[in-house]
Amino acid sequence: MNAAMTDSRLALENVRYAGTGGASRENRHHGFRPAFMDLETAAVYLARFADGRPAPFHLIDGLPDELVLSRDAAGRVAEIRPSVISGFEQDGRFYTRDEAAQALSLASAFS
């Protein structure tokens, strides 16, 4: 598996997927919600703020304790299990960032 997921890794993913539809700001108006999937369990978790409110972008701080590997001195989640990937949920289905980008690319080709 890859390295543990961190805020820095999420930031790099956002740069990588900018302009492709694989970033929250580009696909939310199509009904995609930022989410995470644990590849070991296939469980999907919507991105949430630490207080439980849905987040409009990927945050690791609101994920359940069973995914957390470490916290910083303030108690915020610092890293989560390497088996967890970021992506999106739409209509009950999880999409990887690549799949979301492809879905938006196909949708724009037919509009």
N, C-alpha and C. Protein backbone atom coordinates (compact mmCIF):
# COMPACT_ATOMS: atom_id res chain seq x y z
N MET A 1 0.84 -1.18 0.00
CA MET A 1 0.00 0.00 0.00
C MET A 1 0.88 1.24 0.00
N ASN A 2 0.26 2.34 -0.34
CA ASN A 2 0.96 3.62 -0.34
C ASN A 2 1.14 4.13 1.07
N ALA A 3 1.73 5.30 1.17
CA ALA A 3 1.92 5.95 2.46
C ALA A 3 0.58 6.38 3.03
N ALA A 4 0.58 6.68 4.31
CA ALA A 4 -0.64 7.13 4.98
C ALA A 4 -1.15 8.43 4.35
N MET A 5 -2.45 8.62 4.38
CA MET A 5 -3.07 9.84 3.87
C MET A 5 -2.88 10.95 4.90
N THR A 6 -2.46 12.12 4.42
CA THR A 6 -2.27 13.31 5.25
C THR A 6 -2.87 14.52 4.54
N ASP A 7 -2.95 15.65 5.25
CA ASP A 7 -3.42 16.89 4.61
C ASP A 7 -2.50 17.27 3.45
N SER A 8 -1.20 17.06 3.60
CA SER A 8 -0.26 17.39 2.53
C SER A 8 -0.52 16.55 1.29
N ARG A 9 -0.81 15.28 1.49
CA ARG A 9 -1.10 14.41 0.35
C ARG A 9 -2.39 14.85 -0.34
N LEU A 10 -3.39 15.23 0.44
CA LEU A 10 -4.63 15.73 -0.16
C LEU A 10 -4.37 16.99 -0.98
N ALA A 11 -3.53 17.88 -0.48
CA ALA A 11 -3.20 19.10 -1.21
C ALA A 11 -2.53 18.77 -2.54
N LEU A 12 -1.62 17.81 -2.53
CA LEU A 12 -0.96 17.39 -3.77
C LEU A 12 -1.96 16.79 -4.76
N GLU A 13 -2.90 16.00 -4.25
CA GLU A 13 -3.93 15.43 -5.12
C GLU A 13 -4.77 16.53 -5.75
N ASN A 14 -5.11 17.56 -4.98
CA ASN A 14 -5.90 18.67 -5.52
C ASN A 14 -5.15 19.39 -6.63
N VAL A 15 -3.85 19.55 -6.49
CA VAL A 15 -3.05 20.16 -7.54
C VAL A 15 -3.04 19.25 -8.77
N ARG A 16 -2.82 17.98 -8.54
CA ARG A 16 -2.76 17.02 -9.65
C ARG A 16 -4.07 16.98 -10.45
N TYR A 17 -5.20 17.06 -9.76
CA TYR A 17 -6.49 16.92 -10.42
C TYR A 17 -7.15 18.25 -10.79
N ALA A 18 -6.49 19.36 -10.54
CA ALA A 18 -7.05 20.67 -10.90
C ALA A 18 -7.34 20.72 -12.39
N GLY A 19 -8.54 21.16 -12.73
CA GLY A 19 -8.93 21.30 -14.12
C GLY A 19 -9.41 20.03 -14.79
N THR A 20 -9.47 18.92 -14.05
CA THR A 20 -9.86 17.64 -14.65
C THR A 20 -11.27 17.20 -14.28
N GLY A 21 -11.85 17.83 -13.25
CA GLY A 21 -13.11 17.35 -12.71
C GLY A 21 -12.91 16.42 -11.53
N GLY A 22 -11.66 16.15 -11.18
CA GLY A 22 -11.35 15.29 -10.05
C GLY A 22 -11.08 16.05 -8.77
N ALA A 23 -11.54 17.30 -8.71
CA ALA A 23 -11.41 18.13 -7.52
C ALA A 23 -12.79 18.64 -7.13
N SER A 24 -13.01 18.82 -5.85
CA SER A 24 -14.34 19.16 -5.32
C SER A 24 -14.95 20.40 -5.97
N ARG A 25 -14.18 21.46 -6.10
CA ARG A 25 -14.77 22.71 -6.62
C ARG A 25 -15.25 22.58 -8.06
N GLU A 26 -14.71 21.59 -8.77
CA GLU A 26 -15.07 21.42 -10.18
C GLU A 26 -16.23 20.45 -10.40
N ASN A 27 -16.56 19.65 -9.41
CA ASN A 27 -17.59 18.64 -9.66
C ASN A 27 -18.77 18.70 -8.71
N ARG A 28 -18.72 19.56 -7.70
CA ARG A 28 -19.82 19.56 -6.72
C ARG A 28 -21.15 19.95 -7.35
N HIS A 29 -21.13 20.82 -8.36
CA HIS A 29 -22.40 21.20 -9.00
C HIS A 29 -22.98 20.08 -9.86
N HIS A 30 -22.26 18.97 -9.98
CA HIS A 30 -22.76 17.77 -10.65
C HIS A 30 -23.22 16.72 -9.65
N GLY A 31 -23.28 17.09 -8.37
CA GLY A 31 -23.77 16.18 -7.34
C GLY A 31 -22.71 15.30 -6.71
N PHE A 32 -21.44 15.53 -7.01
CA PHE A 32 -20.37 14.77 -6.38
C PHE A 32 -20.06 15.36 -5.00
N ARG A 33 -19.93 14.48 -4.02
CA ARG A 33 -19.58 14.93 -2.66
C ARG A 33 -18.25 14.32 -2.28
N PRO A 34 -17.34 15.12 -1.71
CA PRO A 34 -16.04 14.57 -1.33
C PRO A 34 -16.19 13.44 -0.32
N ALA A 35 -15.45 12.37 -0.55
CA ALA A 35 -15.59 11.18 0.29
C ALA A 35 -14.27 10.43 0.30
N PHE A 36 -14.22 9.42 1.14
CA PHE A 36 -13.06 8.54 1.26
C PHE A 36 -13.57 7.11 1.24
N MET A 37 -12.75 6.20 0.71
CA MET A 37 -13.08 4.78 0.76
C MET A 37 -11.90 4.03 1.36
N ASP A 38 -12.22 3.14 2.29
CA ASP A 38 -11.21 2.23 2.83
C ASP A 38 -11.20 1.02 1.91
N LEU A 39 -10.12 0.83 1.21
CA LEU A 39 -10.03 -0.27 0.25
C LEU A 39 -10.04 -1.64 0.91
N GLU A 40 -9.70 -1.71 2.19
CA GLU A 40 -9.73 -3.00 2.89
C GLU A 40 -11.14 -3.43 3.24
N THR A 41 -12.01 -2.48 3.51
CA THR A 41 -13.38 -2.81 3.95
C THR A 41 -14.45 -2.39 2.95
N ALA A 42 -14.10 -1.57 1.97
CA ALA A 42 -15.01 -0.97 0.98
C ALA A 42 -15.98 0.01 1.63
N ALA A 43 -15.73 0.39 2.88
CA ALA A 43 -16.58 1.38 3.55
C ALA A 43 -16.28 2.76 2.98
N VAL A 44 -17.34 3.53 2.78
CA VAL A 44 -17.23 4.89 2.24
C VAL A 44 -17.62 5.87 3.33
N TYR A 45 -16.84 6.93 3.45
CA TYR A 45 -17.06 7.97 4.46
C TYR A 45 -17.11 9.32 3.77
N LEU A 46 -18.20 10.04 3.95
CA LEU A 46 -18.26 11.39 3.42
C LEU A 46 -17.28 12.26 4.18
N ALA A 47 -16.70 13.24 3.49
CA ALA A 47 -15.80 14.18 4.15
C ALA A 47 -16.62 15.03 5.12
N ARG A 48 -16.10 15.19 6.32
CA ARG A 48 -16.79 15.95 7.36
C ARG A 48 -15.80 16.80 8.13
N PHE A 49 -16.33 17.90 8.67
CA PHE A 49 -15.56 18.68 9.62
C PHE A 49 -15.46 17.87 10.90
N ALA A 50 -14.56 18.25 11.78
CA ALA A 50 -14.36 17.52 13.03
C ALA A 50 -15.63 17.45 13.87
N ASP A 51 -16.52 18.45 13.71
CA ASP A 51 -17.77 18.45 14.49
C ASP A 51 -18.88 17.64 13.83
N GLY A 52 -18.58 16.97 12.72
CA GLY A 52 -19.55 16.10 12.07
C GLY A 52 -20.31 16.70 10.91
N ARG A 53 -20.23 18.01 10.71
CA ARG A 53 -20.93 18.63 9.58
C ARG A 53 -20.29 18.20 8.26
N PRO A 54 -21.10 18.00 7.23
CA PRO A 54 -20.53 17.66 5.92
C PRO A 54 -19.59 18.77 5.45
N ALA A 55 -18.47 18.38 4.89
CA ALA A 55 -17.48 19.33 4.37
C ALA A 55 -17.60 19.42 2.85
N PRO A 56 -17.41 20.61 2.29
CA PRO A 56 -17.49 20.76 0.84
C PRO A 56 -16.20 20.37 0.12
N PHE A 57 -15.21 19.88 0.85
CA PHE A 57 -13.93 19.47 0.29
C PHE A 57 -13.36 18.37 1.18
N HIS A 58 -12.30 17.73 0.74
CA HIS A 58 -11.72 16.61 1.49
C HIS A 58 -11.01 17.10 2.75
N LEU A 59 -11.39 16.50 3.88
CA LEU A 59 -10.75 16.74 5.18
C LEU A 59 -10.56 15.40 5.86
N ILE A 60 -9.40 15.18 6.45
CA ILE A 60 -9.20 13.93 7.18
C ILE A 60 -9.59 14.06 8.65
N ASP A 61 -9.73 15.29 9.12
CA ASP A 61 -9.98 15.51 10.55
C ASP A 61 -11.35 14.99 11.01
N GLY A 62 -12.31 14.85 10.12
CA GLY A 62 -13.63 14.39 10.51
C GLY A 62 -13.87 12.91 10.32
N LEU A 63 -12.83 12.16 9.97
CA LEU A 63 -12.99 10.72 9.76
C LEU A 63 -13.04 9.97 11.09
N PRO A 64 -13.68 8.80 11.10
CA PRO A 64 -13.82 8.04 12.35
C PRO A 64 -12.48 7.56 12.91
N ASP A 65 -12.46 7.39 14.22
CA ASP A 65 -11.24 7.00 14.94
C ASP A 65 -10.61 5.72 14.40
N GLU A 66 -11.40 4.78 13.89
CA GLU A 66 -10.83 3.51 13.43
C GLU A 66 -9.92 3.69 12.21
N LEU A 67 -9.99 4.84 11.54
CA LEU A 67 -9.12 5.10 10.40
C LEU A 67 -7.88 5.89 10.77
N VAL A 68 -7.87 6.46 11.96
CA VAL A 68 -6.82 7.39 12.37
C VAL A 68 -5.57 6.64 12.83
N LEU A 69 -4.42 7.05 12.28
CA LEU A 69 -3.13 6.50 12.70
C LEU A 69 -2.45 7.41 13.73
N SER A 70 -2.60 8.72 13.55
CA SER A 70 -1.98 9.65 14.50
C SER A 70 -2.71 10.99 14.49
N ARG A 71 -2.52 11.70 15.60
CA ARG A 71 -3.08 13.04 15.78
C ARG A 71 -1.95 13.99 16.14
N ASP A 72 -2.15 15.28 15.87
CA ASP A 72 -1.15 16.27 16.25
C ASP A 72 -1.35 16.68 17.71
N ALA A 73 -0.55 17.61 18.18
CA ALA A 73 -0.59 18.03 19.59
C ALA A 73 -1.93 18.64 19.97
N ALA A 74 -2.64 19.20 18.99
CA ALA A 74 -3.95 19.80 19.25
C ALA A 74 -5.09 18.78 19.17
N GLY A 75 -4.77 17.54 18.84
CA GLY A 75 -5.79 16.50 18.76
C GLY A 75 -6.40 16.33 17.38
N ARG A 76 -5.94 17.11 16.40
CA ARG A 76 -6.45 16.98 15.03
C ARG A 76 -5.82 15.77 14.36
N VAL A 77 -6.56 15.14 13.48
CA VAL A 77 -6.04 13.99 12.75
C VAL A 77 -4.85 14.42 11.90
N ALA A 78 -3.75 13.71 12.03
CA ALA A 78 -2.54 14.00 11.27
C ALA A 78 -2.38 13.04 10.09
N GLU A 79 -2.74 11.78 10.30
CA GLU A 79 -2.67 10.81 9.21
C GLU A 79 -3.67 9.68 9.45
N ILE A 80 -4.11 9.14 8.32
CA ILE A 80 -5.07 8.03 8.36
C ILE A 80 -4.47 6.83 7.64
N ARG A 81 -5.12 5.71 7.79
CA ARG A 81 -4.63 4.44 7.24
C ARG A 81 -4.30 4.55 5.75
N PRO A 82 -3.22 3.90 5.32
CA PRO A 82 -2.85 3.94 3.90
C PRO A 82 -3.86 3.28 2.98
N SER A 83 -4.75 2.47 3.52
CA SER A 83 -5.76 1.81 2.70
C SER A 83 -6.92 2.74 2.34
N VAL A 84 -6.89 3.97 2.83
CA VAL A 84 -7.98 4.92 2.57
C VAL A 84 -7.58 5.83 1.42
N ILE A 85 -8.47 5.94 0.43
CA ILE A 85 -8.25 6.82 -0.71
C ILE A 85 -9.31 7.91 -0.74
N SER A 86 -8.97 9.01 -1.37
CA SER A 86 -9.95 10.08 -1.54
C SER A 86 -10.67 9.92 -2.86
N GLY A 87 -11.89 10.40 -2.89
CA GLY A 87 -12.70 10.34 -4.10
C GLY A 87 -13.99 11.08 -3.85
N PHE A 88 -15.06 10.58 -4.44
CA PHE A 88 -16.35 11.26 -4.35
C PHE A 88 -17.48 10.26 -4.29
N GLU A 89 -18.56 10.69 -3.69
CA GLU A 89 -19.80 9.90 -3.65
C GLU A 89 -20.83 10.66 -4.46
N GLN A 90 -21.55 9.94 -5.27
CA GLN A 90 -22.68 10.50 -6.02
C GLN A 90 -23.74 9.41 -6.14
N ASP A 91 -24.93 9.73 -5.66
CA ASP A 91 -26.06 8.79 -5.76
C ASP A 91 -25.73 7.40 -5.24
N GLY A 92 -25.01 7.34 -4.11
CA GLY A 92 -24.71 6.07 -3.47
C GLY A 92 -23.53 5.31 -4.04
N ARG A 93 -22.85 5.88 -5.01
CA ARG A 93 -21.70 5.21 -5.62
C ARG A 93 -20.43 6.00 -5.32
N PHE A 94 -19.34 5.29 -5.01
CA PHE A 94 -18.04 5.91 -4.81
C PHE A 94 -17.31 6.00 -6.14
N TYR A 95 -16.72 7.15 -6.39
CA TYR A 95 -15.89 7.39 -7.58
C TYR A 95 -14.49 7.77 -7.12
N THR A 96 -13.48 7.16 -7.68
CA THR A 96 -12.13 7.65 -7.45
C THR A 96 -12.02 9.02 -8.11
N ARG A 97 -10.96 9.72 -7.83
CA ARG A 97 -10.77 11.02 -8.50
C ARG A 97 -10.68 10.83 -10.01
N ASP A 98 -10.00 9.79 -10.46
CA ASP A 98 -9.90 9.52 -11.90
C ASP A 98 -11.28 9.23 -12.51
N GLU A 99 -12.08 8.43 -11.81
CA GLU A 99 -13.42 8.09 -12.31
C GLU A 99 -14.32 9.32 -12.36
N ALA A 100 -14.22 10.20 -11.36
CA ALA A 100 -15.02 11.42 -11.37
C ALA A 100 -14.61 12.31 -12.53
N ALA A 101 -13.31 12.44 -12.75
CA ALA A 101 -12.82 13.25 -13.87
C ALA A 101 -13.32 12.68 -15.20
N GLN A 102 -13.27 11.36 -15.33
CA GLN A 102 -13.73 10.72 -16.56
C GLN A 102 -15.23 10.92 -16.74
N ALA A 103 -16.01 10.78 -15.67
CA ALA A 103 -17.46 10.97 -15.77
C ALA A 103 -17.80 12.38 -16.21
N LEU A 104 -17.09 13.37 -15.70
CA LEU A 104 -17.36 14.75 -16.11
C LEU A 104 -16.91 15.00 -17.53
N SER A 105 -15.82 14.38 -17.93
CA SER A 105 -15.33 14.52 -19.30
C SER A 105 -16.35 13.95 -20.28
N LEU A 106 -16.89 12.78 -19.94
CA LEU A 106 -17.91 12.16 -20.80
C LEU A 106 -19.19 12.99 -20.83
N ALA A 107 -19.58 13.51 -19.67
CA ALA A 107 -20.80 14.33 -19.60
C ALA A 107 -20.66 15.59 -20.45
N SER A 108 -19.50 16.22 -20.42
CA SER A 108 -19.31 17.44 -21.22
C SER A 108 -19.22 17.13 -22.70
N ALA A 109 -18.75 15.93 -23.06
CA ALA A 109 -18.67 15.55 -24.46
C ALA A 109 -20.05 15.37 -25.06
N PHE A 110 -21.04 15.03 -24.23
CA PHE A 110 -22.39 14.79 -24.72
C PHE A 110 -23.35 15.93 -24.43
N SER A 111 -22.83 17.05 -23.95
CA SER A 111 -23.74 18.18 -23.66
C SER A 111 -23.58 19.27 -24.67
